[in-house]
Amino acid sequence: MQSGLFDRLTALADPTRCRLLLALERQELTVNELRAALQLPQSTVSRHLKVLSDEGWITSRAEGVSNWYRAARELGPEARRLWEVVRDQFADSAPAHRDAERIKGIVAARHQRTTEFFASGAGQWDRVRGELFGDGLEWLALAGLLDPTWAVADLGAGTGHLAAALAPFVGRVVAIDESAAMLETAAERTKSFGNVVCRVGALEALPVESGTIHLAFAVLVLHHLIDPARAVVEAARTLRPGGRLVMVDMMPHERAEYRETMGHQWLGFDREAVFGWAKAAALEPIAYRPLPPKSTSQGPLLFVAVARKPHQPET
């Protein structure tokens, strides 16, 4: 232990290494940035960085063709006290002040490059982001709200788009649809996840055990049902206490042709109707919100509504 402490003390015996460690205490920097800050040859900076790394004063990570360095965040009590003594003596030195000013410029230049990119490419950013990460990235952020232990139901799953989107983030997905042909496609789409169960069944009589579902989705399916209120009652039955039902469907509209062309039973639903179903199913209505239409959409406006199953009172 004593030998290790002396080795660490030796690492701090060189003023250049103290300057490097002081610079890296405040932010992460590359070798080239450290070279510019300390006004030293790259070979000299690299040699001193190796000593600091070998003695545990700094850490590094590779990113592309660059290595990024930072002062070690986890130091033992002896090393921490040693560095505090050295830093107090060295931080007010002229070289340390000059280094700090240069580093401010380096960090500011980084920020400026980012600002210039967005300023010059603002009109193209949506296209660039889509090419790099795909569409709908902002909605994927909502996956952070899902608990990895939850059982989730996709009511009216169709060919499994929603089930496939949910599967990586939850414990189990139960995909239910009346169409066996649709579910065959859903099963094929989701088989790689290993946690999706596809079941043929009506939404008015769900093949799901009572009180087993944490979160149920009914997306663009209620308008196809003769009795959507009954489907909400069934969904409520499957929910655990505190579980939620999320409904996405069309707001009231006048596209009567949908009855003939697509078999719609209802021309949308308003807040009063949706909240009425929830209350009749002993659910607490939470929200009914219109969804902003996409510029390319041609159908009626959509809404999202949420209702919650109350927690059972303690006995």
C-alpha atoms as a PDB file:
ATOM      1  CA  MET A   1       0.000   0.000   0.000  1.00  0.00           C
ATOM      2  CA  GLN A   2       2.860   2.345   0.923  1.00  0.00           C
ATOM      3  CA  SER A   3       4.596   1.582  -2.367  1.00  0.00           C
ATOM      4  CA  GLY A   4       1.413   2.424  -4.308  1.00  0.00           C
ATOM      5  CA  LEU A   5       1.097   5.744  -2.479  1.00  0.00           C
ATOM      6  CA  PHE A   6       4.703   6.670  -3.298  1.00  0.00           C
ATOM      7  CA  ASP A   7       4.106   5.752  -6.953  1.00  0.00           C
ATOM      8  CA  ARG A   8       1.099   8.065  -7.022  1.00  0.00           C
ATOM      9  CA  LEU A   9       3.109  10.787  -5.342  1.00  0.00           C
ATOM     10  CA  THR A  10       5.827  10.367  -7.958  1.00  0.00           C
ATOM     11  CA  ALA A  11       3.230  10.754 -10.720  1.00  0.00           C
ATOM     12  CA  LEU A  12       2.355  14.177  -9.323  1.00  0.00           C
ATOM     13  CA  ALA A  13       5.979  15.257  -8.932  1.00  0.00           C
ATOM     14  CA  ASP A  14       6.057  16.604 -12.504  1.00  0.00           C
ATOM     15  CA  PRO A  15       4.441  20.032 -13.113  1.00  0.00           C
ATOM     16  CA  THR A  16       3.202  19.003 -16.577  1.00  0.00           C
ATOM     17  CA  ARG A  17       1.293  16.074 -15.128  1.00  0.00           C
ATOM     18  CA  CYS A  18      -0.235  18.370 -12.516  1.00  0.00           C
ATOM     19  CA  ARG A  19      -1.356  20.729 -15.285  1.00  0.00           C
ATOM     20  CA  LEU A  20      -2.877  17.820 -17.185  1.00  0.00           C
ATOM     21  CA  LEU A  21      -4.710  16.489 -14.170  1.00  0.00           C
ATOM     22  CA  LEU A  22      -6.026  19.932 -13.279  1.00  0.00           C
ATOM     23  CA  ALA A  23      -7.311  20.392 -16.838  1.00  0.00           C
ATOM     24  CA  LEU A  24      -8.976  16.979 -16.846  1.00  0.00           C
ATOM     25  CA  GLU A  25     -10.613  17.542 -13.480  1.00  0.00           C
ATOM     26  CA  ARG A  26     -12.984  20.081 -15.035  1.00  0.00           C
ATOM     27  CA  GLN A  27     -13.918  18.367 -18.318  1.00  0.00           C
ATOM     28  CA  GLU A  28     -13.163  15.542 -20.729  1.00  0.00           C
ATOM     29  CA  LEU A  29     -10.556  16.359 -23.376  1.00  0.00           C
ATOM     30  CA  THR A  30      -8.731  14.648 -26.233  1.00  0.00           C
ATOM     31  CA  VAL A  31      -4.950  14.464 -26.632  1.00  0.00           C
ATOM     32  CA  ASN A  32      -5.084  17.082 -29.368  1.00  0.00           C
ATOM     33  CA  GLU A  33      -7.126  19.431 -27.178  1.00  0.00           C
ATOM     34  CA  LEU A  34      -4.685  18.947 -24.287  1.00  0.00           C
ATOM     35  CA  ARG A  35      -1.778  19.607 -26.627  1.00  0.00           C
ATOM     36  CA  ALA A  36      -3.393  22.898 -27.682  1.00  0.00           C
ATOM     37  CA  ALA A  37      -4.243  23.858 -24.109  1.00  0.00           C
ATOM     38  CA  LEU A  38      -0.799  23.190 -22.647  1.00  0.00           C
ATOM     39  CA  GLN A  39       1.098  24.245 -25.796  1.00  0.00           C
ATOM     40  CA  LEU A  40       3.185  21.065 -25.757  1.00  0.00           C
ATOM     41  CA  PRO A  41       4.093  18.457 -28.371  1.00  0.00           C
ATOM     42  CA  GLN A  42       1.614  15.640 -28.704  1.00  0.00           C
ATOM     43  CA  SER A  43       4.270  13.045 -27.867  1.00  0.00           C
ATOM     44  CA  THR A  44       4.994  14.809 -24.570  1.00  0.00           C
ATOM     45  CA  VAL A  45       1.307  14.976 -23.658  1.00  0.00           C
ATOM     46  CA  SER A  46       0.801  11.301 -24.527  1.00  0.00           C
ATOM     47  CA  ARG A  47       3.801  10.248 -22.436  1.00  0.00           C
ATOM     48  CA  HIS A  48       2.544  12.069 -19.354  1.00  0.00           C
ATOM     49  CA  LEU A  49      -1.004  10.833 -19.841  1.00  0.00           C
ATOM     50  CA  LYS A  50       0.285   7.262 -19.772  1.00  0.00           C
ATOM     51  CA  VAL A  51       1.950   7.839 -16.408  1.00  0.00           C
ATOM     52  CA  LEU A  52      -1.217   9.357 -14.956  1.00  0.00           C
ATOM     53  CA  SER A  53      -3.289   6.516 -16.359  1.00  0.00           C
ATOM     54  CA  ASP A  54      -0.956   3.799 -15.054  1.00  0.00           C
ATOM     55  CA  GLU A  55      -1.161   5.253 -11.550  1.00  0.00           C
ATOM     56  CA  GLY A  56      -4.966   5.565 -11.652  1.00  0.00           C
ATOM     57  CA  TRP A  57      -5.212   9.358 -11.739  1.00  0.00           C
ATOM     58  CA  ILE A  58      -7.134   9.508 -15.031  1.00  0.00           C
ATOM     59  CA  THR A  59      -9.488   7.359 -17.099  1.00  0.00           C
ATOM     60  CA  SER A  60      -9.971   7.214 -20.853  1.00  0.00           C
ATOM     61  CA  ARG A  61     -12.503   6.044 -23.387  1.00  0.00           C
ATOM     62  CA  ALA A  62     -12.294   5.527 -27.132  1.00  0.00           C
ATOM     63  CA  GLU A  63     -14.732   7.269 -29.442  1.00  0.00           C
ATOM     64  CA  GLY A  64     -14.142   6.889 -33.164  1.00  0.00           C
ATOM     65  CA  VAL A  65     -10.501   7.708 -33.854  1.00  0.00           C
ATOM     66  CA  SER A  66     -10.081   9.758 -30.672  1.00  0.00           C
ATOM     67  CA  ASN A  67      -9.344   8.888 -27.060  1.00  0.00           C
ATOM     68  CA  TRP A  68     -11.049  11.062 -24.452  1.00  0.00           C
ATOM     69  CA  TYR A  69      -9.439  11.548 -21.039  1.00  0.00           C
ATOM     70  CA  ARG A  70     -10.848  12.650 -17.716  1.00  0.00           C
ATOM     71  CA  ALA A  71      -9.680  12.765 -14.101  1.00  0.00           C
ATOM     72  CA  ALA A  72     -10.632   9.578 -12.268  1.00  0.00           C
ATOM     73  CA  ARG A  73     -13.839  10.077 -10.330  1.00  0.00           C
ATOM     74  CA  GLU A  74     -13.239   7.272  -7.858  1.00  0.00           C
ATOM     75  CA  LEU A  75     -10.090   7.937  -5.839  1.00  0.00           C
ATOM     76  CA  GLY A  76      -9.154   6.358  -2.542  1.00  0.00           C
ATOM     77  CA  PRO A  77      -9.042   8.629   0.526  1.00  0.00           C
ATOM     78  CA  GLU A  78      -5.222   8.807   0.538  1.00  0.00           C
ATOM     79  CA  ALA A  79      -5.038   9.730  -3.137  1.00  0.00           C
ATOM     80  CA  ARG A  80      -7.827  12.274  -2.743  1.00  0.00           C
ATOM     81  CA  ARG A  81      -6.063  14.012   0.129  1.00  0.00           C
ATOM     82  CA  LEU A  82      -2.794  13.972  -1.789  1.00  0.00           C
ATOM     83  CA  TRP A  83      -4.363  15.586  -4.847  1.00  0.00           C
ATOM     84  CA  GLU A  84      -6.128  18.215  -2.729  1.00  0.00           C
ATOM     85  CA  VAL A  85      -2.772  19.295  -1.284  1.00  0.00           C
ATOM     86  CA  VAL A  86      -1.109  19.445  -4.706  1.00  0.00           C
ATOM     87  CA  ARG A  87      -4.063  21.174  -6.358  1.00  0.00           C
ATOM     88  CA  ASP A  88      -4.235  23.863  -3.669  1.00  0.00           C
ATOM     89  CA  GLN A  89      -0.588  24.674  -4.316  1.00  0.00           C
ATOM     90  CA  PHE A  90      -0.770  24.510  -8.111  1.00  0.00           C
ATOM     91  CA  ALA A  91      -4.221  25.850  -9.105  1.00  0.00           C
ATOM     92  CA  ASP A  92      -3.253  29.522  -8.725  1.00  0.00           C
ATOM     93  CA  SER A  93      -0.042  29.234 -10.727  1.00  0.00           C
ATOM     94  CA  ALA A  94       0.394  31.200 -13.936  1.00  0.00           C
ATOM     95  CA  PRO A  95       0.621  28.058 -16.150  1.00  0.00           C
ATOM     96  CA  ALA A  96      -2.602  26.712 -14.654  1.00  0.00           C
ATOM     97  CA  HIS A  97      -4.429  29.996 -15.357  1.00  0.00           C
ATOM     98  CA  ARG A  98      -3.157  30.074 -18.931  1.00  0.00           C
ATOM     99  CA  ASP A  99      -4.229  26.470 -19.458  1.00  0.00           C
ATOM    100  CA  ALA A 100      -7.688  27.238 -18.083  1.00  0.00           C
ATOM    101  CA  GLU A 101      -8.142  30.181 -20.470  1.00  0.00           C
ATOM    102  CA  ARG A 102      -7.123  28.103 -23.483  1.00  0.00           C
ATOM    103  CA  ILE A 103      -9.470  25.305 -22.415  1.00  0.00           C
ATOM    104  CA  LYS A 104     -12.346  27.794 -22.235  1.00  0.00           C
ATOM    105  CA  GLY A 105     -11.648  28.651 -25.849  1.00  0.00           C
ATOM    106  CA  ILE A 106     -11.466  24.976 -26.845  1.00  0.00           C
ATOM    107  CA  VAL A 107     -14.783  24.169 -25.192  1.00  0.00           C
ATOM    108  CA  ALA A 108     -16.371  27.294 -26.686  1.00  0.00           C
ATOM    109  CA  ALA A 109     -15.165  26.246 -30.141  1.00  0.00           C
ATOM    110  CA  ARG A 110     -16.833  22.863 -29.663  1.00  0.00           C
ATOM    111  CA  HIS A 111     -20.109  24.583 -28.830  1.00  0.00           C
ATOM    112  CA  GLN A 112     -19.716  26.921 -31.776  1.00  0.00           C
ATOM    113  CA  ARG A 113     -19.294  24.002 -34.163  1.00  0.00           C
ATOM    114  CA  THR A 114     -22.525  22.509 -32.868  1.00  0.00           C
ATOM    115  CA  THR A 115     -24.309  25.861 -33.189  1.00  0.00           C
ATOM    116  CA  GLU A 116     -23.037  26.359 -36.729  1.00  0.00           C
ATOM    117  CA  PHE A 117     -24.191  22.874 -37.739  1.00  0.00           C
ATOM    118  CA  PHE A 118     -27.744  23.486 -36.601  1.00  0.00           C
ATOM    119  CA  ALA A 119     -27.780  27.053 -37.939  1.00  0.00           C
ATOM    120  CA  SER A 120     -26.630  25.987 -41.389  1.00  0.00           C
ATOM    121  CA  GLY A 121     -28.640  22.780 -41.521  1.00  0.00           C
ATOM    122  CA  ALA A 122     -31.814  23.764 -39.678  1.00  0.00           C
ATOM    123  CA  GLY A 123     -33.935  23.249 -42.771  1.00  0.00           C
ATOM    124  CA  GLN A 124     -32.414  19.844 -43.361  1.00  0.00           C
ATOM    125  CA  TRP A 125     -32.285  18.594 -39.767  1.00  0.00           C
ATOM    126  CA  ASP A 126     -35.543  16.638 -39.904  1.00  0.00           C
ATOM    127  CA  ARG A 127     -34.314  14.825 -42.997  1.00  0.00           C
ATOM    128  CA  VAL A 128     -30.880  14.167 -41.497  1.00  0.00           C
ATOM    129  CA  ARG A 129     -32.322  12.910 -38.218  1.00  0.00           C
ATOM    130  CA  GLY A 130     -34.725  10.649 -40.106  1.00  0.00           C
ATOM    131  CA  GLU A 131     -31.892   9.202 -42.165  1.00  0.00           C
ATOM    132  CA  LEU A 132     -29.751   8.600 -39.095  1.00  0.00           C
ATOM    133  CA  PHE A 133     -32.325   7.380 -36.585  1.00  0.00           C
ATOM    134  CA  GLY A 134     -35.624   6.786 -38.411  1.00  0.00           C
ATOM    135  CA  ASP A 135     -39.012   8.435 -38.021  1.00  0.00           C
ATOM    136  CA  GLY A 136     -40.890   8.646 -34.729  1.00  0.00           C
ATOM    137  CA  LEU A 137     -37.785   8.846 -32.540  1.00  0.00           C
ATOM    138  CA  GLU A 138     -39.550  11.187 -30.126  1.00  0.00           C
ATOM    139  CA  TRP A 139     -42.185   8.554 -29.406  1.00  0.00           C
ATOM    140  CA  LEU A 140     -39.538   5.934 -28.637  1.00  0.00           C
ATOM    141  CA  ALA A 141     -38.481   8.094 -25.714  1.00  0.00           C
ATOM    142  CA  LEU A 142     -41.802   7.191 -24.067  1.00  0.00           C
ATOM    143  CA  ALA A 143     -40.540   3.620 -23.762  1.00  0.00           C
ATOM    144  CA  GLY A 144     -38.719   4.882 -20.697  1.00  0.00           C
ATOM    145  CA  LEU A 145     -42.097   5.029 -18.939  1.00  0.00           C
ATOM    146  CA  LEU A 146     -42.657   1.285 -19.402  1.00  0.00           C
ATOM    147  CA  ASP A 147     -41.723  -1.111 -16.611  1.00  0.00           C
ATOM    148  CA  PRO A 148     -39.730  -4.127 -17.873  1.00  0.00           C
ATOM    149  CA  THR A 149     -41.801  -6.431 -15.638  1.00  0.00           C
ATOM    150  CA  TRP A 150     -45.205  -5.363 -16.967  1.00  0.00           C
ATOM    151  CA  ALA A 151     -47.716  -7.507 -18.793  1.00  0.00           C
ATOM    152  CA  VAL A 152     -49.211  -5.434 -21.617  1.00  0.00           C
ATOM    153  CA  ALA A 153     -52.260  -6.190 -23.773  1.00  0.00           C
ATOM    154  CA  ASP A 154     -52.600  -5.103 -27.408  1.00  0.00           C
ATOM    155  CA  LEU A 155     -56.360  -5.231 -27.983  1.00  0.00           C
ATOM    156  CA  GLY A 156     -57.160  -5.523 -31.660  1.00  0.00           C
ATOM    157  CA  ALA A 157     -53.523  -6.246 -32.447  1.00  0.00           C
ATOM    158  CA  GLY A 158     -53.982  -6.723 -36.179  1.00  0.00           C
ATOM    159  CA  THR A 159     -50.658  -7.640 -37.750  1.00  0.00           C
ATOM    160  CA  GLY A 160     -48.681  -6.833 -34.618  1.00  0.00           C
ATOM    161  CA  HIS A 161     -47.130  -3.411 -35.236  1.00  0.00           C
ATOM    162  CA  LEU A 162     -47.826  -2.156 -31.717  1.00  0.00           C
ATOM    163  CA  ALA A 163     -47.004  -5.510 -30.091  1.00  0.00           C
ATOM    164  CA  ALA A 164     -43.619  -5.506 -31.820  1.00  0.00           C
ATOM    165  CA  ALA A 165     -42.953  -1.929 -30.689  1.00  0.00           C
ATOM    166  CA  LEU A 166     -43.803  -2.772 -27.059  1.00  0.00           C
ATOM    167  CA  ALA A 167     -42.122  -6.173 -26.765  1.00  0.00           C
ATOM    168  CA  PRO A 168     -38.505  -5.002 -26.224  1.00  0.00           C
ATOM    169  CA  PHE A 169     -39.510  -2.839 -23.264  1.00  0.00           C
ATOM    170  CA  VAL A 170     -41.914  -4.969 -21.184  1.00  0.00           C
ATOM    171  CA  GLY A 171     -42.078  -8.434 -19.659  1.00  0.00           C
ATOM    172  CA  ARG A 172     -44.923  -9.860 -21.740  1.00  0.00           C
ATOM    173  CA  VAL A 173     -47.281  -8.751 -24.499  1.00  0.00           C
ATOM    174  CA  VAL A 174     -50.647 -10.412 -25.092  1.00  0.00           C
ATOM    175  CA  ALA A 175     -51.781  -9.652 -28.648  1.00  0.00           C
ATOM    176  CA  ILE A 176     -55.494 -10.278 -29.255  1.00  0.00           C
ATOM    177  CA  ASP A 177     -57.490 -10.089 -32.459  1.00  0.00           C
ATOM    178  CA  GLU A 178     -60.566 -11.751 -33.929  1.00  0.00           C
ATOM    179  CA  SER A 179     -58.766 -12.454 -37.201  1.00  0.00           C
ATOM    180  CA  ALA A 180     -56.621 -15.592 -37.132  1.00  0.00           C
ATOM    181  CA  ALA A 181     -55.023 -14.515 -40.417  1.00  0.00           C
ATOM    182  CA  MET A 182     -53.977 -11.180 -38.909  1.00  0.00           C
ATOM    183  CA  LEU A 183     -52.525 -12.904 -35.864  1.00  0.00           C
ATOM    184  CA  GLU A 184     -50.465 -15.260 -38.012  1.00  0.00           C
ATOM    185  CA  THR A 185     -48.703 -12.205 -39.400  1.00  0.00           C
ATOM    186  CA  ALA A 186     -48.400 -10.737 -35.897  1.00  0.00           C
ATOM    187  CA  ALA A 187     -46.878 -13.967 -34.590  1.00  0.00           C
ATOM    188  CA  GLU A 188     -44.350 -14.021 -37.415  1.00  0.00           C
ATOM    189  CA  ARG A 189     -43.477 -10.364 -36.851  1.00  0.00           C
ATOM    190  CA  THR A 190     -42.944 -10.779 -33.097  1.00  0.00           C
ATOM    191  CA  LYS A 191     -41.494 -14.284 -32.812  1.00  0.00           C
ATOM    192  CA  SER A 192     -37.929 -13.063 -32.359  1.00  0.00           C
ATOM    193  CA  PHE A 193     -38.825 -11.264 -29.120  1.00  0.00           C
ATOM    194  CA  GLY A 194     -39.931 -14.416 -27.320  1.00  0.00           C
ATOM    195  CA  ASN A 195     -42.360 -12.602 -25.002  1.00  0.00           C
ATOM    196  CA  VAL A 196     -45.392 -12.038 -27.256  1.00  0.00           C
ATOM    197  CA  VAL A 197     -48.423 -14.333 -26.964  1.00  0.00           C
ATOM    198  CA  CYS A 198     -50.980 -14.129 -29.780  1.00  0.00           C
ATOM    199  CA  ARG A 199     -54.563 -15.131 -28.981  1.00  0.00           C
ATOM    200  CA  VAL A 200     -57.644 -15.203 -31.178  1.00  0.00           C
ATOM    201  CA  GLY A 201     -60.572 -13.600 -29.404  1.00  0.00           C
ATOM    202  CA  ALA A 202     -63.206 -10.886 -29.348  1.00  0.00           C
ATOM    203  CA  LEU A 203     -62.578  -7.661 -27.476  1.00  0.00           C
ATOM    204  CA  GLU A 204     -65.986  -8.052 -25.863  1.00  0.00           C
ATOM    205  CA  ALA A 205     -64.876 -11.394 -24.364  1.00  0.00           C
ATOM    206  CA  LEU A 206     -61.119 -11.250 -23.954  1.00  0.00           C
ATOM    207  CA  PRO A 207     -59.162 -14.504 -23.572  1.00  0.00           C
ATOM    208  CA  VAL A 208     -57.131 -12.979 -20.719  1.00  0.00           C
ATOM    209  CA  GLU A 209     -57.151 -13.767 -17.018  1.00  0.00           C
ATOM    210  CA  SER A 210     -58.679 -11.141 -14.715  1.00  0.00           C
ATOM    211  CA  GLY A 211     -56.337  -8.766 -12.932  1.00  0.00           C
ATOM    212  CA  THR A 212     -53.178  -9.737 -14.843  1.00  0.00           C
ATOM    213  CA  ILE A 213     -52.536  -6.760 -17.147  1.00  0.00           C
ATOM    214  CA  HIS A 214     -50.624  -3.644 -16.156  1.00  0.00           C
ATOM    215  CA  LEU A 215     -51.294  -1.674 -19.340  1.00  0.00           C
ATOM    216  CA  ALA A 216     -53.812  -2.271 -22.147  1.00  0.00           C
ATOM    217  CA  PHE A 217     -53.935  -0.537 -25.534  1.00  0.00           C
ATOM    218  CA  ALA A 218     -56.935  -0.253 -27.851  1.00  0.00           C
ATOM    219  CA  VAL A 219     -55.596   1.568 -30.906  1.00  0.00           C
ATOM    220  CA  LEU A 220     -57.949   2.330 -33.821  1.00  0.00           C
ATOM    221  CA  VAL A 221     -60.202  -0.609 -33.018  1.00  0.00           C
ATOM    222  CA  LEU A 222     -63.170   0.621 -30.954  1.00  0.00           C
ATOM    223  CA  HIS A 223     -64.947   2.178 -33.946  1.00  0.00           C
ATOM    224  CA  HIS A 224     -65.173  -1.310 -35.493  1.00  0.00           C
ATOM    225  CA  LEU A 225     -67.116  -2.719 -32.529  1.00  0.00           C
ATOM    226  CA  ILE A 226     -70.885  -2.801 -32.207  1.00  0.00           C
ATOM    227  CA  ASP A 227     -70.557  -2.354 -28.429  1.00  0.00           C
ATOM    228  CA  PRO A 228     -67.301  -0.541 -27.557  1.00  0.00           C
ATOM    229  CA  ALA A 229     -68.568   0.029 -24.025  1.00  0.00           C
ATOM    230  CA  ARG A 230     -68.556  -3.725 -23.469  1.00  0.00           C
ATOM    231  CA  ALA A 231     -64.958  -3.921 -24.713  1.00  0.00           C
ATOM    232  CA  VAL A 232     -63.931  -1.287 -22.160  1.00  0.00           C
ATOM    233  CA  VAL A 233     -65.620  -3.322 -19.395  1.00  0.00           C
ATOM    234  CA  GLU A 234     -63.657  -6.389 -20.512  1.00  0.00           C
ATOM    235  CA  ALA A 235     -60.405  -4.463 -20.646  1.00  0.00           C
ATOM    236  CA  ALA A 236     -61.062  -3.179 -17.137  1.00  0.00           C
ATOM    237  CA  ARG A 237     -61.574  -6.760 -15.942  1.00  0.00           C
ATOM    238  CA  THR A 238     -58.113  -7.765 -17.130  1.00  0.00           C
ATOM    239  CA  LEU A 239     -56.346  -4.827 -15.477  1.00  0.00           C
ATOM    240  CA  ARG A 240     -54.493  -5.062 -12.211  1.00  0.00           C
ATOM    241  CA  PRO A 241     -55.289  -2.428  -9.572  1.00  0.00           C
ATOM    242  CA  GLY A 242     -53.564   0.733 -10.756  1.00  0.00           C
ATOM    243  CA  GLY A 243     -53.428  -0.596 -14.323  1.00  0.00           C
ATOM    244  CA  ARG A 244     -54.291   1.677 -17.237  1.00  0.00           C
ATOM    245  CA  LEU A 245     -56.260   1.462 -20.455  1.00  0.00           C
ATOM    246  CA  VAL A 246     -55.023   3.647 -23.323  1.00  0.00           C
ATOM    247  CA  MET A 247     -57.477   4.241 -26.169  1.00  0.00           C
ATOM    248  CA  VAL A 248     -56.553   5.858 -29.471  1.00  0.00           C
ATOM    249  CA  ASP A 249     -59.349   6.427 -31.954  1.00  0.00           C
ATOM    250  CA  MET A 250     -61.081   8.955 -34.192  1.00  0.00           C
ATOM    251  CA  MET A 251     -62.772  12.050 -32.922  1.00  0.00           C
ATOM    252  CA  PRO A 252     -66.366  12.619 -34.212  1.00  0.00           C
ATOM    253  CA  HIS A 253     -66.376  13.126 -37.985  1.00  0.00           C
ATOM    254  CA  GLU A 254     -68.701  13.075 -40.981  1.00  0.00           C
ATOM    255  CA  ARG A 255     -67.009  10.468 -43.183  1.00  0.00           C
ATOM    256  CA  ALA A 256     -70.132   8.317 -43.460  1.00  0.00           C
ATOM    257  CA  GLU A 257     -68.594   6.429 -46.390  1.00  0.00           C
ATOM    258  CA  TYR A 258     -66.304   4.672 -43.933  1.00  0.00           C
ATOM    259  CA  ARG A 259     -69.259   2.540 -42.859  1.00  0.00           C
ATOM    260  CA  GLU A 260     -69.411   0.993 -46.339  1.00  0.00           C
ATOM    261  CA  THR A 261     -65.787   1.074 -47.425  1.00  0.00           C
ATOM    262  CA  MET A 262     -64.122  -0.034 -44.166  1.00  0.00           C
ATOM    263  CA  GLY A 263     -66.884  -1.462 -42.024  1.00  0.00           C
ATOM    264  CA  HIS A 264     -66.825   1.253 -39.367  1.00  0.00           C
ATOM    265  CA  GLN A 265     -69.646   0.993 -36.850  1.00  0.00           C
ATOM    266  CA  TRP A 266     -69.073   4.429 -35.345  1.00  0.00           C
ATOM    267  CA  LEU A 267     -68.085   7.818 -36.769  1.00  0.00           C
ATOM    268  CA  GLY A 268     -65.727   8.701 -33.962  1.00  0.00           C
ATOM    269  CA  PHE A 269     -66.142   9.290 -30.237  1.00  0.00           C
ATOM    270  CA  ASP A 270     -66.169  12.400 -28.083  1.00  0.00           C
ATOM    271  CA  ARG A 271     -64.907  12.898 -24.542  1.00  0.00           C
ATOM    272  CA  GLU A 272     -68.316  12.364 -22.994  1.00  0.00           C
ATOM    273  CA  ALA A 273     -68.741   8.961 -24.615  1.00  0.00           C
ATOM    274  CA  VAL A 274     -65.246   7.715 -23.716  1.00  0.00           C
ATOM    275  CA  PHE A 275     -65.436   8.913 -20.119  1.00  0.00           C
ATOM    276  CA  GLY A 276     -68.882   7.368 -19.853  1.00  0.00           C
ATOM    277  CA  TRP A 277     -67.528   3.947 -20.857  1.00  0.00           C
ATOM    278  CA  ALA A 278     -64.701   4.278 -18.346  1.00  0.00           C
ATOM    279  CA  LYS A 279     -66.993   5.167 -15.464  1.00  0.00           C
ATOM    280  CA  ALA A 280     -69.398   2.339 -16.352  1.00  0.00           C
ATOM    281  CA  ALA A 281     -66.427  -0.045 -16.210  1.00  0.00           C
ATOM    282  CA  ALA A 282     -65.422   1.283 -12.761  1.00  0.00           C
ATOM    283  CA  LEU A 283     -62.352   2.992 -14.204  1.00  0.00           C
ATOM    284  CA  GLU A 284     -61.136   6.483 -13.346  1.00  0.00           C
ATOM    285  CA  PRO A 285     -61.014   8.695 -16.457  1.00  0.00           C
ATOM    286  CA  ILE A 286     -57.689  10.517 -16.601  1.00  0.00           C
ATOM    287  CA  ALA A 287     -57.437  12.246 -19.963  1.00  0.00           C
ATOM    288  CA  TYR A 288     -59.009  12.727 -23.384  1.00  0.00           C
ATOM    289  CA  ARG A 289     -56.679  14.645 -25.660  1.00  0.00           C
ATOM    290  CA  PRO A 290     -56.740  15.402 -29.402  1.00  0.00           C
ATOM    291  CA  LEU A 291     -53.593  14.289 -31.211  1.00  0.00           C
ATOM    292  CA  PRO A 292     -51.912  16.746 -33.584  1.00  0.00           C
ATOM    293  CA  PRO A 293     -52.372  15.567 -37.169  1.00  0.00           C
ATOM    294  CA  LYS A 294     -49.403  14.855 -39.393  1.00  0.00           C
ATOM    295  CA  SER A 295     -49.124  17.037 -42.471  1.00  0.00           C
ATOM    296  CA  THR A 296     -49.519  13.982 -44.709  1.00  0.00           C
ATOM    297  CA  SER A 297     -52.553  12.494 -42.941  1.00  0.00           C
ATOM    298  CA  GLN A 298     -55.890  12.572 -44.738  1.00  0.00           C
ATOM    299  CA  GLY A 299     -58.157  10.914 -42.194  1.00  0.00           C
ATOM    300  CA  PRO A 300     -60.199  12.328 -39.295  1.00  0.00           C
ATOM    301  CA  LEU A 301     -58.531  13.792 -36.236  1.00  0.00           C
ATOM    302  CA  LEU A 302     -57.481  11.302 -33.569  1.00  0.00           C
ATOM    303  CA  PHE A 303     -57.603  11.369 -29.790  1.00  0.00           C
ATOM    304  CA  VAL A 304     -55.824   9.521 -27.014  1.00  0.00           C
ATOM    305  CA  ALA A 305     -57.732   8.737 -23.830  1.00  0.00           C
ATOM    306  CA  VAL A 306     -56.488   7.134 -20.629  1.00  0.00           C
ATOM    307  CA  ALA A 307     -58.413   5.511 -17.777  1.00  0.00           C
ATOM    308  CA  ARG A 308     -57.089   3.836 -14.647  1.00  0.00           C
ATOM    309  CA  LYS A 309     -58.336   0.967 -12.485  1.00  0.00           C
ATOM    310  CA  PRO A 310     -58.468   2.176  -8.880  1.00  0.00           C
ATOM    311  CA  HIS A 311     -56.337   0.517  -6.258  1.00  0.00           C
ATOM    312  CA  GLN A 312     -58.389  -1.698  -4.003  1.00  0.00           C
ATOM    313  CA  PRO A 313     -58.870  -0.199  -0.544  1.00  0.00           C
ATOM    314  CA  GLU A 314     -56.939  -1.872   2.256  1.00  0.00           C
ATOM    315  CA  THR A 315     -58.994  -4.158   4.481  1.00  0.00           C
END
